[in-house]
Amino acid sequence: MGCIARLGCLILLVCLAVGAWLTRDQWLHKITGKPVVTSAASAWEPLTPEAGAAGKQKLDDLAKPSGPVFTNLSASEVASYVFQTVAHTIPASADSAAAAVIGDALFVRAVVPVKEIAGTGVLGPLAGLLNDRERLQLGGTFHVIRPGLSEFEVREIKLRDFKVPSGAIPRLVRQLSKGERPPGISPNALPVTTPRSLGDVRISSGKVTLYKTTGAEK
């Protein structure tokens, strides 16, 4: 009987543990003070011209004097607009481009020709471990530098499963950048032209929220 009782207690504990895990989004934030990042909030979305056009339209609406004071963009909308339309960071030869908001950062990934980012030797010995085409992943957040100019600050870069050392990120970012870098851009950031009306960018809960600067002109 003692053995059966102990077995019953063990099963009960397992059931309680499973139940607690399945309902963690309802109670974990009360203990940690932080929102729980679920799979829905970190779902990868493909980058498409349609998503980029939708992102641009929301930015245009935000810039109108009668427009909203803030607007929400999905990971695909903001990444498609920024990386395919404005910054042209992702090579045209790339495929499987997708984006996701995970925690307080936007992540963008695509399968790219390694030679297009390793031509200057920026990858060092890592280049010898990679195939001709590999998945490149960037993770970071946005900052408004001044009216009309923002930046995507890259905190993390991965090639396949290899994490690029933080000290090499600025060199790789410069390799990915197109054209001249405006003054004030961080060494590890990509410059992004944005409407003059954009005042702030915040990332959380699976979306990117843009805020208008009152009185600013587009």
Protein backbone atom coordinates (compact mmCIF):
# COMPACT_ATOMS: atom_id res chain seq x y z
CA MET A 1 0.00 0.00 0.00
CA GLY A 2 2.87 2.33 0.78
CA CYS A 3 4.32 1.76 -2.67
CA ILE A 4 0.95 2.39 -4.32
CA ALA A 5 0.52 5.58 -2.30
CA ARG A 6 3.97 6.83 -3.33
CA LEU A 7 3.19 5.99 -6.98
CA GLY A 8 -0.07 7.87 -6.72
CA CYS A 9 1.67 10.90 -5.27
CA LEU A 10 4.23 10.79 -8.09
CA ILE A 11 1.51 10.69 -10.75
CA LEU A 12 -0.28 13.57 -9.04
CA LEU A 13 2.92 15.66 -9.00
CA VAL A 14 3.52 14.94 -12.69
CA CYS A 15 -0.04 15.99 -13.53
CA LEU A 16 0.34 19.20 -11.52
CA ALA A 17 3.63 20.00 -13.23
CA VAL A 18 2.13 19.46 -16.70
CA GLY A 19 -0.89 21.56 -15.80
CA ALA A 20 1.31 24.37 -14.49
CA TRP A 21 3.37 24.36 -17.70
CA LEU A 22 0.32 24.44 -19.96
CA THR A 23 -1.16 27.40 -18.06
CA ARG A 24 2.14 29.28 -17.53
CA ASP A 25 0.96 32.25 -19.59
CA GLN A 26 -1.72 32.86 -16.94
CA TRP A 27 0.54 32.94 -13.86
CA LEU A 28 4.26 33.08 -14.75
CA HIS A 29 4.23 36.82 -15.52
CA LYS A 30 2.89 37.49 -11.99
CA ILE A 31 6.06 35.95 -10.54
CA THR A 32 8.69 37.19 -13.00
CA GLY A 33 7.06 40.49 -13.92
CA LYS A 34 7.74 39.71 -17.58
CA PRO A 35 5.32 38.61 -20.30
CA VAL A 36 5.59 35.00 -21.45
CA VAL A 37 6.76 34.63 -25.03
CA THR A 38 4.57 31.96 -26.59
CA SER A 39 4.92 30.24 -29.94
CA ALA A 40 2.24 32.51 -31.39
CA ALA A 41 4.30 35.59 -30.53
CA SER A 42 7.42 34.13 -32.09
CA ALA A 43 5.91 32.64 -35.26
CA TRP A 44 8.03 33.20 -38.37
CA GLU A 45 6.27 35.06 -41.19
CA PRO A 46 7.50 35.21 -44.81
CA LEU A 47 8.79 38.50 -46.24
CA THR A 48 6.74 39.50 -49.27
CA PRO A 49 6.24 42.58 -51.48
CA GLU A 50 2.61 42.67 -50.30
CA ALA A 51 3.69 42.81 -46.64
CA GLY A 52 6.19 45.55 -47.50
CA ALA A 53 3.46 47.57 -49.24
CA ALA A 54 1.19 47.14 -46.22
CA GLY A 55 3.96 48.35 -43.92
CA LYS A 56 4.60 51.39 -46.11
CA GLN A 57 0.90 52.23 -46.16
CA LYS A 58 0.75 52.18 -42.36
CA LEU A 59 3.79 54.48 -42.19
CA ASP A 60 2.18 56.84 -44.71
CA ASP A 61 -1.05 56.88 -42.69
CA LEU A 62 0.92 57.62 -39.51
CA ALA A 63 2.56 60.61 -41.22
CA LYS A 64 -0.76 62.23 -42.16
CA PRO A 65 -1.85 65.15 -39.93
CA SER A 66 -5.18 63.39 -39.39
CA GLY A 67 -3.59 59.96 -39.06
CA PRO A 68 -3.31 57.81 -35.93
CA VAL A 69 -0.84 58.61 -33.14
CA PHE A 70 0.50 55.05 -33.27
CA THR A 71 0.23 51.99 -35.47
CA ASN A 72 1.13 48.31 -35.15
CA LEU A 73 3.04 46.38 -37.79
CA SER A 74 3.57 42.64 -37.93
CA ALA A 75 7.08 41.24 -38.10
CA SER A 76 6.59 40.54 -41.81
CA GLU A 77 5.29 44.04 -42.57
CA VAL A 78 8.11 45.93 -40.91
CA ALA A 79 10.85 43.55 -42.08
CA SER A 80 9.57 43.44 -45.67
CA TYR A 81 9.43 47.23 -45.79
CA VAL A 82 12.82 47.81 -44.14
CA PHE A 83 14.97 44.99 -45.49
CA GLN A 84 13.49 44.63 -48.98
CA THR A 85 12.25 48.12 -49.82
CA VAL A 86 14.34 50.67 -47.91
CA ALA A 87 17.65 49.19 -46.76
CA HIS A 88 17.91 46.45 -49.44
CA THR A 89 19.97 44.46 -46.95
CA ILE A 90 18.79 41.01 -48.04
CA PRO A 91 20.40 40.09 -51.41
CA ALA A 92 18.09 39.59 -54.36
CA SER A 93 19.52 36.07 -54.68
CA ALA A 94 18.32 35.17 -51.17
CA ASP A 95 15.35 32.89 -50.56
CA SER A 96 13.15 31.70 -47.69
CA ALA A 97 13.24 35.19 -46.11
CA ALA A 98 11.14 35.41 -42.94
CA ALA A 99 10.79 37.52 -39.80
CA ALA A 100 9.58 37.10 -36.22
CA VAL A 101 9.27 39.17 -33.07
CA ILE A 102 10.83 37.24 -30.18
CA GLY A 103 10.85 39.00 -26.83
CA ASP A 104 11.84 42.63 -27.40
CA ALA A 105 13.69 42.05 -30.68
CA LEU A 106 12.92 41.61 -34.37
CA PHE A 107 14.62 38.66 -36.05
CA VAL A 108 15.07 38.32 -39.81
CA ARG A 109 16.48 35.30 -41.58
CA ALA A 110 17.09 34.19 -45.16
CA VAL A 111 19.15 31.67 -47.09
CA VAL A 112 21.89 33.66 -48.83
CA PRO A 113 25.01 33.01 -50.95
CA VAL A 114 27.88 33.04 -48.46
CA LYS A 115 30.25 34.66 -50.98
CA GLU A 116 28.12 37.83 -50.99
CA ILE A 117 28.86 38.44 -47.30
CA ALA A 118 32.27 36.79 -46.99
CA GLY A 119 34.00 38.45 -49.92
CA THR A 120 36.15 40.73 -47.77
CA GLY A 121 37.22 37.99 -45.36
CA VAL A 122 34.98 39.37 -42.61
CA LEU A 123 33.98 35.84 -41.53
CA GLY A 124 37.57 34.67 -41.06
CA PRO A 125 37.98 30.90 -40.45
CA LEU A 126 34.21 30.54 -40.12
CA ALA A 127 33.84 30.90 -43.89
CA GLY A 128 35.63 27.58 -44.40
CA LEU A 129 32.95 25.75 -42.38
CA LEU A 130 30.03 27.01 -44.43
CA ASN A 131 28.37 25.78 -47.61
CA ASP A 132 27.80 27.92 -50.71
CA ARG A 133 24.38 28.93 -49.38
CA GLU A 134 23.55 29.22 -45.69
CA ARG A 135 20.85 30.69 -43.48
CA LEU A 136 21.72 34.16 -42.26
CA GLN A 137 19.82 35.44 -39.21
CA LEU A 138 19.88 38.96 -37.79
CA GLY A 139 18.34 39.97 -34.46
CA GLY A 140 18.00 43.48 -33.11
CA THR A 141 15.81 46.49 -32.46
CA PHE A 142 15.01 49.90 -33.91
CA HIS A 143 15.97 53.38 -32.71
CA VAL A 144 14.91 56.74 -34.13
CA ILE A 145 18.12 58.76 -34.58
CA ARG A 146 16.57 62.00 -35.82
CA PRO A 147 13.60 63.05 -37.96
CA GLY A 148 13.77 61.06 -41.18
CA LEU A 149 16.44 58.59 -40.02
CA SER A 150 16.27 55.46 -37.88
CA GLU A 151 18.54 52.48 -37.38
CA PHE A 152 18.19 48.75 -36.91
CA GLU A 153 20.75 47.92 -34.22
CA VAL A 154 21.97 44.37 -34.80
CA ARG A 155 22.53 42.54 -31.51
CA GLU A 156 23.00 39.04 -32.91
CA ILE A 157 24.04 37.42 -36.19
CA LYS A 158 23.96 33.72 -36.94
CA LEU A 159 25.15 31.84 -39.99
CA ARG A 160 23.59 28.38 -39.97
CA ASP A 161 24.05 27.51 -36.27
CA PHE A 162 27.24 29.52 -35.83
CA LYS A 163 26.87 32.68 -33.76
CA VAL A 164 29.07 35.49 -35.08
CA PRO A 165 31.25 37.00 -32.31
CA SER A 166 29.94 40.39 -31.16
CA GLY A 167 33.23 42.04 -32.12
CA ALA A 168 32.76 41.00 -35.75
CA ILE A 169 29.17 42.26 -36.04
CA PRO A 170 30.08 45.87 -37.03
CA ARG A 171 32.29 44.62 -39.90
CA LEU A 172 29.60 42.25 -41.14
CA VAL A 173 26.95 44.97 -40.86
CA ARG A 174 29.09 47.27 -43.02
CA GLN A 175 29.37 44.43 -45.53
CA LEU A 176 25.59 44.17 -45.63
CA SER A 177 24.97 47.93 -45.82
CA LYS A 178 24.32 49.59 -49.15
CA GLY A 179 25.69 53.04 -49.92
CA GLU A 180 27.05 55.61 -47.49
CA ARG A 181 26.34 55.44 -43.78
CA PRO A 182 24.78 58.66 -42.43
CA PRO A 183 26.42 60.32 -39.40
CA GLY A 184 25.11 59.14 -36.04
CA ILE A 185 24.46 55.52 -37.02
CA SER A 186 25.83 52.95 -34.55
CA PRO A 187 28.70 50.76 -35.82
CA ASN A 188 26.53 47.64 -35.50
CA ALA A 189 23.39 49.15 -37.05
CA LEU A 190 21.79 49.41 -40.47
CA PRO A 191 20.50 52.87 -41.46
CA VAL A 192 16.80 53.07 -42.32
CA THR A 193 15.11 56.05 -43.95
CA THR A 194 11.81 56.70 -42.19
CA PRO A 195 9.14 59.45 -42.27
CA ARG A 196 10.00 62.59 -40.30
CA SER A 197 6.80 62.03 -38.32
CA LEU A 198 8.16 58.83 -36.72
CA GLY A 199 9.02 59.50 -33.09
CA ASP A 200 9.57 56.11 -31.45
CA VAL A 201 9.61 52.36 -32.15
CA ARG A 202 8.82 49.67 -29.58
CA ILE A 203 8.92 45.91 -30.04
CA SER A 204 6.98 43.43 -27.90
CA SER A 205 4.17 40.85 -27.87
CA GLY A 206 4.68 39.75 -31.47
CA LYS A 207 4.39 43.20 -33.04
CA VAL A 208 6.25 46.42 -33.75
CA THR A 209 4.54 49.63 -32.59
CA LEU A 210 5.39 52.94 -34.25
CA TYR A 211 4.59 56.26 -32.56
CA LYS A 212 4.11 59.63 -34.18
CA THR A 213 5.94 62.80 -33.18
CA THR A 214 3.31 65.50 -32.70
CA GLY A 215 3.73 68.38 -35.11
CA ALA A 216 6.32 66.61 -37.28
CA GLU A 217 6.15 66.75 -41.04
CA LYS A 218 6.66 63.82 -43.33
